[in-house]
Amino acid sequence: MKRLLAVMGITVALAACGPRPQVGYPLPKDVQAMVERKPAPTEDILTDPAASARYNATIEAWGDRISSAAGIVCRNLISQGMAGVNCPAK
């Protein structure tokens, strides 16, 4: 009986040493989106109105992705008890 209890105790102790789930952390995709590099401009945006318009649309979409991801991470931190932060609405 003592041996069984010892084996069970060791099993429980080893199980506690396993990898911990990422409870409470923001999703990696949201963190990655927050650090996405700004799209680099090309020289043709100086002379081609269509290229300039495409670049402006690309920059707007980039900014929207970053803002959305930052809002998700911000709301996640507030749900964990962080105070003094105002997050954008969904």
N, C-alpha and C. Protein backbone atom coordinates (compact mmCIF):
# COMPACT_ATOMS: atom_id res chain seq x y z
N MET A 1 0.82 -1.20 0.00
CA MET A 1 0.00 0.00 0.00
C MET A 1 0.86 1.26 0.00
N LYS A 2 1.92 1.24 0.84
CA LYS A 2 2.82 2.39 0.88
C LYS A 2 3.48 2.63 -0.46
N ARG A 3 3.83 1.52 -1.11
CA ARG A 3 4.48 1.63 -2.43
C ARG A 3 3.51 2.27 -3.44
N LEU A 4 2.27 1.87 -3.41
CA LEU A 4 1.26 2.43 -4.32
C LEU A 4 1.10 3.93 -4.08
N LEU A 5 1.02 4.34 -2.83
CA LEU A 5 0.90 5.75 -2.52
C LEU A 5 2.13 6.54 -2.95
N ALA A 6 3.30 5.94 -2.80
CA ALA A 6 4.53 6.61 -3.22
C ALA A 6 4.55 6.78 -4.73
N VAL A 7 4.16 5.75 -5.47
CA VAL A 7 4.12 5.83 -6.93
C VAL A 7 3.11 6.89 -7.38
N MET A 8 1.95 6.91 -6.73
CA MET A 8 0.93 7.91 -7.08
C MET A 8 1.45 9.32 -6.78
N GLY A 9 2.13 9.49 -5.66
CA GLY A 9 2.66 10.80 -5.31
C GLY A 9 3.70 11.27 -6.30
N ILE A 10 4.57 10.38 -6.73
CA ILE A 10 5.60 10.73 -7.73
C ILE A 10 4.94 11.07 -9.05
N THR A 11 3.91 10.31 -9.43
CA THR A 11 3.20 10.56 -10.69
C THR A 11 2.57 11.95 -10.68
N VAL A 12 1.94 12.30 -9.60
CA VAL A 12 1.31 13.62 -9.48
C VAL A 12 2.38 14.71 -9.53
N ALA A 13 3.49 14.50 -8.84
CA ALA A 13 4.56 15.50 -8.83
C ALA A 13 5.15 15.69 -10.22
N LEU A 14 5.35 14.60 -10.95
CA LEU A 14 5.89 14.70 -12.31
C LEU A 14 4.90 15.37 -13.26
N ALA A 15 3.63 15.10 -13.08
CA ALA A 15 2.62 15.73 -13.93
C ALA A 15 2.61 17.24 -13.74
N ALA A 16 2.88 17.69 -12.54
CA ALA A 16 2.91 19.13 -12.26
C ALA A 16 4.10 19.81 -12.91
N CYS A 17 5.12 19.03 -13.27
CA CYS A 17 6.32 19.60 -13.89
C CYS A 17 6.19 19.72 -15.40
N GLY A 18 5.09 19.27 -15.96
CA GLY A 18 4.90 19.31 -17.41
C GLY A 18 4.73 20.73 -17.91
N PRO A 19 4.66 20.89 -19.22
CA PRO A 19 4.50 22.22 -19.79
C PRO A 19 3.20 22.87 -19.34
N ARG A 20 3.27 24.13 -19.09
CA ARG A 20 2.10 24.87 -18.61
C ARG A 20 1.34 25.45 -19.80
N PRO A 21 0.02 25.37 -19.76
CA PRO A 21 -0.76 25.99 -20.85
C PRO A 21 -0.63 27.51 -20.80
N GLN A 22 -0.84 28.15 -21.91
CA GLN A 22 -0.73 29.61 -21.99
C GLN A 22 -2.04 30.27 -21.58
N VAL A 23 -2.46 30.01 -20.38
CA VAL A 23 -3.70 30.59 -19.88
C VAL A 23 -3.47 32.07 -19.61
N GLY A 24 -4.30 32.90 -20.17
CA GLY A 24 -4.22 34.32 -19.90
C GLY A 24 -3.37 35.11 -20.89
N TYR A 25 -2.52 34.43 -21.63
CA TYR A 25 -1.71 35.15 -22.61
C TYR A 25 -2.54 35.49 -23.84
N PRO A 26 -2.23 36.60 -24.51
CA PRO A 26 -2.89 36.87 -25.79
C PRO A 26 -2.44 35.84 -26.83
N LEU A 27 -3.23 35.68 -27.85
CA LEU A 27 -2.87 34.73 -28.90
C LEU A 27 -1.61 35.21 -29.63
N PRO A 28 -0.72 34.28 -29.98
CA PRO A 28 0.50 34.67 -30.69
C PRO A 28 0.22 35.45 -31.98
N LYS A 29 -0.86 35.11 -32.69
CA LYS A 29 -1.17 35.82 -33.95
C LYS A 29 -1.46 37.30 -33.69
N ASP A 30 -2.07 37.61 -32.54
CA ASP A 30 -2.37 39.00 -32.21
C ASP A 30 -1.09 39.76 -31.85
N VAL A 31 -0.20 39.10 -31.11
CA VAL A 31 1.07 39.74 -30.77
C VAL A 31 1.89 39.97 -32.04
N GLN A 32 1.93 38.97 -32.92
CA GLN A 32 2.68 39.12 -34.18
C GLN A 32 2.10 40.24 -35.03
N ALA A 33 0.79 40.37 -35.06
CA ALA A 33 0.17 41.43 -35.86
C ALA A 33 0.55 42.81 -35.34
N MET A 34 0.76 42.92 -34.01
CA MET A 34 1.11 44.22 -33.44
C MET A 34 2.50 44.67 -33.83
N VAL A 35 3.36 43.74 -34.21
CA VAL A 35 4.74 44.11 -34.55
C VAL A 35 5.02 43.94 -36.04
N GLU A 36 3.96 43.84 -36.83
CA GLU A 36 4.12 43.73 -38.29
C GLU A 36 4.81 44.98 -38.82
N ARG A 37 5.80 44.79 -39.65
CA ARG A 37 6.54 45.93 -40.21
C ARG A 37 5.66 46.76 -41.14
N LYS A 38 5.92 48.04 -41.13
CA LYS A 38 5.22 48.96 -42.02
C LYS A 38 5.64 48.65 -43.46
N PRO A 39 4.69 48.58 -44.38
CA PRO A 39 5.03 48.32 -45.78
C PRO A 39 5.97 49.42 -46.30
N ALA A 40 6.99 49.01 -47.01
CA ALA A 40 7.97 49.96 -47.55
C ALA A 40 7.43 50.61 -48.81
N PRO A 41 7.61 51.92 -48.92
CA PRO A 41 7.18 52.59 -50.15
C PRO A 41 8.15 52.30 -51.30
N THR A 42 7.64 52.39 -52.49
CA THR A 42 8.48 52.26 -53.67
C THR A 42 8.58 53.62 -54.34
N GLU A 43 9.56 53.77 -55.21
CA GLU A 43 9.76 55.07 -55.86
C GLU A 43 8.59 55.48 -56.75
N ASP A 44 7.89 54.51 -57.32
CA ASP A 44 6.81 54.85 -58.26
C ASP A 44 5.63 55.57 -57.60
N ILE A 45 5.55 55.56 -56.27
CA ILE A 45 4.44 56.29 -55.63
C ILE A 45 4.61 57.80 -55.79
N LEU A 46 5.82 58.23 -56.15
CA LEU A 46 6.07 59.66 -56.34
C LEU A 46 5.53 60.17 -57.68
N THR A 47 5.47 59.28 -58.67
CA THR A 47 5.10 59.72 -60.02
C THR A 47 3.83 59.09 -60.56
N ASP A 48 3.40 57.97 -59.98
CA ASP A 48 2.24 57.24 -60.49
C ASP A 48 1.10 57.35 -59.48
N PRO A 49 0.03 58.08 -59.83
CA PRO A 49 -1.09 58.23 -58.90
C PRO A 49 -1.74 56.90 -58.50
N ALA A 50 -1.79 55.95 -59.41
CA ALA A 50 -2.38 54.64 -59.08
C ALA A 50 -1.50 53.91 -58.07
N ALA A 51 -0.20 53.97 -58.25
CA ALA A 51 0.73 53.33 -57.30
C ALA A 51 0.63 54.01 -55.94
N SER A 52 0.50 55.31 -55.94
CA SER A 52 0.35 56.05 -54.69
C SER A 52 -0.93 55.65 -53.96
N ALA A 53 -2.02 55.50 -54.71
CA ALA A 53 -3.30 55.11 -54.13
C ALA A 53 -3.22 53.69 -53.56
N ARG A 54 -2.56 52.78 -54.28
CA ARG A 54 -2.39 51.41 -53.79
C ARG A 54 -1.57 51.39 -52.50
N TYR A 55 -0.51 52.19 -52.47
CA TYR A 55 0.33 52.24 -51.28
C TYR A 55 -0.45 52.81 -50.09
N ASN A 56 -1.22 53.86 -50.34
CA ASN A 56 -2.04 54.43 -49.26
C ASN A 56 -3.04 53.41 -48.72
N ALA A 57 -3.64 52.64 -49.60
CA ALA A 57 -4.58 51.60 -49.17
C ALA A 57 -3.86 50.52 -48.37
N THR A 58 -2.65 50.19 -48.80
CA THR A 58 -1.85 49.19 -48.07
C THR A 58 -1.50 49.69 -46.68
N ILE A 59 -1.14 50.96 -46.57
CA ILE A 59 -0.81 51.55 -45.26
C ILE A 59 -2.04 51.58 -44.36
N GLU A 60 -3.18 51.93 -44.91
CA GLU A 60 -4.42 51.95 -44.13
C GLU A 60 -4.75 50.56 -43.60
N ALA A 61 -4.64 49.54 -44.45
CA ALA A 61 -4.94 48.17 -44.04
C ALA A 61 -3.95 47.71 -42.96
N TRP A 62 -2.68 48.06 -43.12
CA TRP A 62 -1.65 47.73 -42.13
C TRP A 62 -2.00 48.36 -40.78
N GLY A 63 -2.35 49.61 -40.79
CA GLY A 63 -2.72 50.30 -39.55
C GLY A 63 -3.95 49.71 -38.90
N ASP A 64 -4.93 49.32 -39.71
CA ASP A 64 -6.14 48.70 -39.18
C ASP A 64 -5.83 47.36 -38.50
N ARG A 65 -4.93 46.57 -39.12
CA ARG A 65 -4.55 45.28 -38.52
C ARG A 65 -3.84 45.47 -37.18
N ILE A 66 -2.94 46.42 -37.14
CA ILE A 66 -2.21 46.68 -35.90
C ILE A 66 -3.16 47.18 -34.82
N SER A 67 -4.03 48.09 -35.16
CA SER A 67 -4.98 48.64 -34.19
C SER A 67 -5.91 47.55 -33.67
N SER A 68 -6.39 46.69 -34.55
CA SER A 68 -7.28 45.61 -34.14
C SER A 68 -6.57 44.65 -33.19
N ALA A 69 -5.36 44.26 -33.55
CA ALA A 69 -4.60 43.33 -32.70
C ALA A 69 -4.27 43.96 -31.35
N ALA A 70 -3.88 45.22 -31.36
CA ALA A 70 -3.56 45.90 -30.10
C ALA A 70 -4.80 46.00 -29.22
N GLY A 71 -5.96 46.23 -29.81
CA GLY A 71 -7.20 46.26 -29.04
C GLY A 71 -7.50 44.93 -28.40
N ILE A 72 -7.27 43.84 -29.13
CA ILE A 72 -7.50 42.50 -28.59
C ILE A 72 -6.57 42.24 -27.41
N VAL A 73 -5.30 42.57 -27.58
CA VAL A 73 -4.32 42.36 -26.51
C VAL A 73 -4.66 43.25 -25.31
N CYS A 74 -5.04 44.49 -25.57
CA CYS A 74 -5.41 45.42 -24.50
C CYS A 74 -6.59 44.88 -23.69
N ARG A 75 -7.63 44.43 -24.37
CA ARG A 75 -8.80 43.89 -23.67
C ARG A 75 -8.44 42.62 -22.91
N ASN A 76 -7.52 41.83 -23.45
CA ASN A 76 -7.05 40.64 -22.76
C ASN A 76 -6.37 41.02 -21.45
N LEU A 77 -5.54 42.04 -21.47
CA LEU A 77 -4.84 42.48 -20.26
C LEU A 77 -5.82 43.03 -19.23
N ILE A 78 -6.82 43.76 -19.68
CA ILE A 78 -7.84 44.27 -18.75
C ILE A 78 -8.60 43.10 -18.11
N SER A 79 -8.89 42.06 -18.90
CA SER A 79 -9.60 40.90 -18.34
C SER A 79 -8.77 40.17 -17.29
N GLN A 80 -7.47 40.38 -17.31
CA GLN A 80 -6.59 39.77 -16.31
C GLN A 80 -6.37 40.67 -15.11
N GLY A 81 -7.01 41.86 -15.13
CA GLY A 81 -6.95 42.74 -13.97
C GLY A 81 -6.08 43.97 -14.13
N MET A 82 -5.53 44.21 -15.30
CA MET A 82 -4.71 45.40 -15.49
C MET A 82 -5.59 46.64 -15.40
N ALA A 83 -5.15 47.61 -14.62
CA ALA A 83 -5.93 48.83 -14.42
C ALA A 83 -5.25 50.01 -15.10
N GLY A 84 -6.01 51.08 -15.31
CA GLY A 84 -5.46 52.31 -15.85
C GLY A 84 -5.25 52.31 -17.36
N VAL A 85 -5.93 51.42 -18.06
CA VAL A 85 -5.79 51.32 -19.52
C VAL A 85 -7.16 51.50 -20.16
N ASN A 86 -7.22 52.30 -21.22
CA ASN A 86 -8.45 52.44 -22.00
C ASN A 86 -8.22 51.78 -23.34
N CYS A 87 -9.06 50.82 -23.67
CA CYS A 87 -8.91 50.07 -24.92
C CYS A 87 -10.01 50.46 -25.90
N PRO A 88 -9.69 50.37 -27.20
CA PRO A 88 -10.73 50.63 -28.19
C PRO A 88 -11.81 49.56 -28.14
N ALA A 89 -13.01 49.94 -28.50
CA ALA A 89 -14.11 48.98 -28.57
C ALA A 89 -13.86 48.00 -29.70
N LYS A 90 -14.54 46.86 -29.64
CA LYS A 90 -14.38 45.85 -30.69
C LYS A 90 -14.81 46.39 -32.03
